[in-house]
Protein backbone atom coordinates (compact mmCIF):
# COMPACT_ATOMS: atom_id res chain seq x y z
CA MET A 1 48.67 -11.01 25.88
CA THR A 2 49.31 -13.59 28.60
CA ASP A 3 50.13 -10.80 31.06
CA PRO A 4 46.82 -9.31 32.33
CA GLY A 5 48.41 -5.91 32.98
CA ARG A 6 49.98 -5.74 29.54
CA ARG A 7 46.73 -6.93 27.98
CA ARG A 8 44.74 -4.17 29.69
CA ALA A 9 47.32 -1.58 28.65
CA LEU A 10 47.11 -2.65 25.00
CA ALA A 11 43.31 -2.56 25.02
CA ASP A 12 43.29 0.85 26.76
CA ALA A 13 45.72 2.31 24.25
CA PHE A 14 43.68 0.96 21.34
CA MET A 15 40.43 2.43 22.65
CA ILE A 16 41.99 5.84 23.29
CA GLU A 17 43.24 5.97 19.71
CA PHE A 18 40.18 4.38 18.12
CA VAL A 19 37.29 6.23 19.78
CA GLY A 20 36.75 9.51 17.96
CA SER A 21 39.03 8.60 15.06
CA THR A 22 37.87 8.79 11.45
CA THR A 23 37.46 5.01 11.40
CA TRP A 24 35.26 5.27 14.51
CA ARG A 25 33.09 7.94 12.83
CA ALA A 26 32.83 5.82 9.69
CA MET A 27 31.79 2.88 11.88
CA LEU A 28 29.02 4.99 13.48
CA ALA A 29 27.77 5.96 10.03
CA VAL A 30 27.62 2.30 9.04
CA LEU A 31 25.90 1.27 12.28
CA GLU A 32 23.17 3.83 11.64
CA GLY A 33 22.46 2.09 8.33
CA ALA A 34 22.98 -1.49 9.51
CA PHE A 35 20.78 -1.10 12.61
CA PRO A 36 18.27 1.63 11.76
CA GLY A 37 16.09 3.15 14.44
CA LEU A 38 18.37 2.29 17.37
CA GLY A 39 20.13 5.66 17.58
CA MET A 40 23.55 4.03 17.47
CA ALA A 41 25.49 7.17 16.53
CA ALA A 42 23.97 9.22 19.34
CA ALA A 43 24.55 6.44 21.88
CA LEU A 44 28.22 6.13 20.91
CA SER A 45 29.09 9.78 20.40
CA GLY A 46 30.82 10.13 23.78
CA ARG A 47 34.48 10.41 24.61
CA ALA A 48 36.85 7.48 25.03
CA ASP A 49 36.45 7.41 28.82
CA GLU A 50 32.64 7.31 28.45
CA ILE A 51 32.85 4.47 25.95
CA ARG A 52 35.15 2.57 28.31
CA GLY A 53 32.34 2.74 30.84
CA MET A 54 30.25 0.73 28.37
CA THR A 55 32.97 -1.90 28.02
CA ASP A 56 33.23 -5.24 29.80
CA GLY A 57 36.29 -7.38 30.25
CA LEU A 58 36.06 -10.72 28.50
CA ASP A 59 34.45 -13.37 30.70
CA ARG A 60 31.66 -15.91 30.40
CA THR A 61 28.93 -13.24 30.80
CA ALA A 62 30.47 -10.97 28.18
CA SER A 63 30.77 -13.89 25.78
CA VAL A 64 27.07 -14.63 26.22
CA LYS A 65 26.24 -10.98 25.45
CA LEU A 66 28.19 -11.23 22.20
CA GLY A 67 26.30 -14.38 21.26
CA LEU A 68 29.53 -16.15 20.28
CA PRO A 69 31.84 -18.32 22.38
CA THR A 70 34.86 -16.08 22.85
CA TRP A 71 38.26 -16.55 24.48
CA LEU A 72 41.77 -15.13 24.42
CA ASP A 73 44.89 -16.13 22.56
CA ASP A 74 48.27 -14.45 22.08
CA ALA A 75 46.77 -11.83 19.72
CA GLY A 76 43.57 -10.87 21.50
CA MET A 77 40.08 -12.29 21.21
CA VAL A 78 39.02 -15.41 19.32
CA PHE A 79 35.45 -16.19 18.23
CA ASP A 80 33.86 -19.59 17.66
CA LEU A 81 31.53 -19.55 14.64
CA SER A 82 30.73 -23.27 14.80
CA ALA A 83 27.03 -22.70 15.45
CA HIS A 84 26.78 -20.61 12.28
CA LEU A 85 29.09 -22.36 9.85
CA ASN A 86 30.33 -25.83 9.10
CA ALA A 87 33.69 -24.73 7.77
CA ARG A 88 34.61 -28.18 6.43
CA ASN A 89 31.50 -28.57 4.31
CA ALA A 90 30.72 -25.00 3.32
CA PRO A 91 32.78 -24.06 0.24
CA ARG A 92 34.18 -20.56 0.22
CA THR A 93 32.46 -18.48 -2.43
CA PRO A 94 34.81 -16.05 -4.23
CA LEU A 95 33.80 -12.47 -3.55
CA ARG A 96 33.60 -11.68 -7.26
CA ALA A 97 31.23 -14.62 -7.83
CA ARG A 98 28.64 -13.17 -5.48
CA PRO A 99 25.81 -10.98 -6.75
CA GLY A 100 26.71 -7.31 -6.72
CA GLN A 101 30.29 -6.07 -6.76
CA PRO A 102 31.31 -4.47 -3.44
CA ARG A 103 32.16 -0.80 -3.79
CA ALA A 104 34.60 1.20 -1.71
CA SER A 105 33.33 4.54 -0.48
CA ARG A 106 34.96 7.11 1.72
CA PRO A 107 32.75 8.99 4.18
CA TYR A 108 35.76 10.67 5.79
CA ALA A 109 39.35 11.26 4.74
CA GLY A 110 41.47 8.45 6.11
CA ALA A 111 38.75 5.81 6.37
CA PHE A 112 36.66 3.94 3.86
CA VAL A 113 33.67 1.59 3.85
CA ILE A 114 33.06 -1.65 1.94
CA ASP A 115 29.60 -3.21 2.03
CA THR A 116 29.72 -6.79 0.73
CA LEU A 117 26.06 -7.50 1.54
CA ASP A 118 24.33 -4.59 -0.18
CA PRO A 119 26.95 -2.89 -2.39
CA LEU A 120 24.50 -0.31 -3.79
CA ARG A 121 23.47 0.97 -0.36
CA TYR A 122 25.10 4.16 0.81
CA HIS A 123 25.27 4.91 4.51
CA ARG A 124 24.62 8.47 5.59
CA ALA A 125 27.72 9.76 7.31
CA VAL A 126 27.03 11.28 10.71
CA GLY A 127 28.23 14.88 10.74
CA GLY A 128 29.62 14.50 7.24
CA PRO A 129 28.40 14.27 3.65
CA ARG A 130 24.97 12.76 3.00
CA ALA A 131 26.53 9.71 1.38
CA PRO A 132 30.05 8.32 1.15
CA ARG A 133 31.84 9.23 -2.05
CA ASP A 134 32.96 6.48 -4.38
CA LEU A 135 36.68 5.92 -4.14
CA PRO A 136 38.22 7.22 -7.42
CA GLU A 137 39.77 4.57 -9.60
CA ASP A 138 43.38 5.45 -8.88
CA ALA A 139 42.94 6.95 -5.43
CA ALA A 140 45.43 5.94 -2.78
CA LEU A 141 44.87 6.04 0.94
CA ALA A 142 47.23 8.36 2.70
CA THR A 143 50.10 6.52 4.34
CA PRO A 144 50.00 7.17 8.08
CA SER A 145 52.74 9.37 9.48
CA ASP A 146 53.92 9.69 13.06
CA ARG A 147 51.24 12.26 13.88
CA ALA A 148 48.80 11.00 16.48
CA GLU A 149 45.77 12.29 14.61
CA ASP A 150 46.54 10.31 11.47
CA ASP A 151 44.27 7.33 10.90
CA SER A 152 43.75 4.84 8.13
CA GLY A 153 41.06 2.22 8.47
CA VAL A 154 38.31 0.26 6.78
CA VAL A 155 34.81 -0.65 7.94
CA ILE A 156 33.53 -3.82 6.26
CA VAL A 157 29.89 -4.90 6.33
CA ALA A 158 29.87 -8.69 5.89
CA ASN A 159 28.85 -12.01 7.33
CA LEU A 160 31.68 -13.16 9.58
CA THR A 161 31.06 -16.69 8.36
CA SER A 162 32.29 -15.52 4.94
CA ALA A 163 35.80 -15.76 6.36
CA GLY A 164 35.34 -19.50 5.81
CA VAL A 165 36.76 -20.60 9.16
CA ARG A 166 35.23 -22.21 12.21
CA VAL A 167 37.44 -20.35 14.71
CA LEU A 168 37.97 -16.69 13.87
CA ASP A 169 41.17 -15.32 15.37
CA SER A 170 43.06 -12.11 14.65
CA LEU A 171 45.11 -13.57 11.82
CA SER A 172 42.17 -15.16 10.00
CA LEU A 173 40.19 -11.92 10.42
CA TRP A 174 43.06 -9.92 8.93
CA ARG A 175 43.38 -12.35 6.03
CA TYR A 176 39.65 -12.09 5.35
CA ALA A 177 39.74 -8.29 5.48
CA GLY A 178 42.68 -8.34 3.08
CA ARG A 179 40.72 -10.49 0.61
CA VAL A 180 37.75 -8.11 0.80
CA VAL A 181 39.89 -4.99 0.30
CA THR A 182 41.88 -6.55 -2.53
CA SER A 183 38.80 -7.94 -4.29
CA THR A 184 37.07 -4.58 -4.05
CA LEU A 185 39.89 -2.21 -5.02
CA HIS A 186 41.71 -4.37 -7.57
CA GLU A 187 40.01 -4.77 -10.94
CA PRO A 188 41.84 -7.30 -13.18
CA SER A 189 40.82 -5.35 -16.28
CA ARG A 190 42.56 -2.25 -14.87
CA PRO A 191 46.14 -3.19 -13.92
CA ARG A 192 46.76 0.16 -12.20
CA THR A 193 44.27 -0.77 -9.50
CA ARG A 194 46.60 -3.51 -8.24
CA GLY A 195 48.89 -0.83 -6.83
CA ARG A 196 45.92 0.94 -5.28
CA ALA A 197 44.93 -2.22 -3.41
CA ARG A 198 48.48 -2.79 -2.18
CA ARG A 199 48.81 0.79 -0.93
CA ALA A 200 45.47 0.53 0.88
CA LEU A 201 46.51 -2.67 2.67
CA ARG A 202 49.86 -1.21 3.71
CA ALA A 203 48.16 1.90 5.09
CA LEU A 204 45.53 0.11 7.18
CA ARG A 205 45.87 0.49 10.93
CA ARG A 206 42.31 -0.35 12.00
CA VAL A 207 39.83 -2.85 10.61
CA VAL A 208 36.20 -3.11 11.72
CA VAL A 209 33.94 -5.91 10.47
CA ILE A 210 30.22 -5.54 11.21
CA ASP A 211 27.89 -8.52 10.80
CA PRO A 212 24.27 -7.26 10.82
CA ASP A 213 22.86 -10.81 10.85
CA LEU A 214 24.75 -11.85 13.99
CA GLY A 215 24.54 -8.37 15.48
CA VAL A 216 28.27 -8.46 16.14
CA GLY A 217 31.18 -6.19 15.34
CA VAL A 218 34.88 -6.95 15.74
CA CYS A 219 37.74 -4.45 15.72
CA LEU A 220 41.28 -5.22 14.68
CA GLN A 221 44.48 -3.24 15.18
CA THR A 222 47.22 -3.67 12.61
CA ASP A 223 50.79 -2.46 12.71
CA ALA A 224 53.70 -3.14 10.42
CA GLY A 225 55.86 -4.06 13.40
CA HIS A 226 53.38 -6.36 15.19
CA PRO A 227 50.89 -9.08 14.32
CA PRO A 228 47.24 -7.99 14.05
CA ARG A 229 45.38 -7.92 17.36
CA CYS A 230 41.64 -8.14 18.01
CA LEU A 231 41.25 -5.82 20.99
CA LEU A 232 37.57 -4.86 20.87
CA ALA A 233 34.22 -6.38 19.93
CA PHE A 234 30.60 -5.43 20.45
CA GLY A 235 27.15 -6.95 20.32
CA VAL A 236 23.91 -5.29 19.22
CA ASP A 237 20.49 -6.44 20.44
CA ARG A 238 17.78 -5.22 18.06
CA SER A 239 15.09 -5.97 20.64
CA ASP A 240 16.67 -3.66 23.20
CA ASP A 241 17.04 0.11 23.05
CA ALA A 242 20.23 -0.08 25.11
CA PRO A 243 23.49 0.83 23.35
CA PRO A 244 25.78 -2.01 22.32
CA ARG A 245 27.99 -3.53 24.96
CA PHE A 246 31.67 -3.57 24.10
CA VAL A 247 33.97 -6.41 25.12
CA ARG A 248 37.73 -6.20 25.41
CA PRO A 249 40.51 -8.58 26.47
C-alpha cells in the first residue's frame, strides 16, 4: 500500500469485482432502508466505471466529506473515531447483552445482512424478494470457487463505535465483523450452529459496515492469502439529495 501505483491497482480491482456483485446489491437494499427517501439504489445502480466517477482519492477534502479523520496504513484506510467514542472509558457491551438479538437474513444468494440496531426490521431487496429470508438454522454459505462471478459477503448495520476502538483500521474492522457474524449465527444452545458460523467466516470475501448515525459506510476485502484491506468508504449526507461520495486509497 506504500506504492501509489500498486494502491490504485488494488482499489481498482476491488471496485470492479465489488460493484454489481451480490454483496453490492445487498448493500443497496440496506441503504434504501437505512436512508429512506434519498433514492440510494437508483443513484448507485450504474456500472463500475460510472461508480468510479463518483469516487475520490483519499485526501484532506475527502476525509472531511466522510466526517471522520482518515488516513492510510499498510492495509488501506484507517478511521479516527475519537470524536464519537472514548475507547478507554466506554466498556464494550457484549452483542448478546443488547436488546434484540441480531438476525441474519439473505436477500440474495451469496450475501447476507445482519442488522444489529433494529434486528426486527427487514430491508426490501431491490430487484429481489420483498424482504430478506431468514437464514435457516443449519444453512451454510457457499464456499467461493475460482469463478469470477462467485461472491460471498455480509452487510452489517451497526454503530462503528461498537467496535470498541478509537482508531478503526482494517484488522480491527475485520475482528469486529467476525464478532458480529459469530454472535449472530452461533447459538450456544444449538451446538451445530458453531460450524455454521465458522463456515460463514471462512467464506467471506467482502464485508460492508453501514453506520446510519454517522452516515458512513466502510468496505473491507478479505482473502485467505492476504490480510484484510479497507479499500472503499462512503459518506451519506441526509440534507443533500446528491448520491454518496465514495473514497478510496
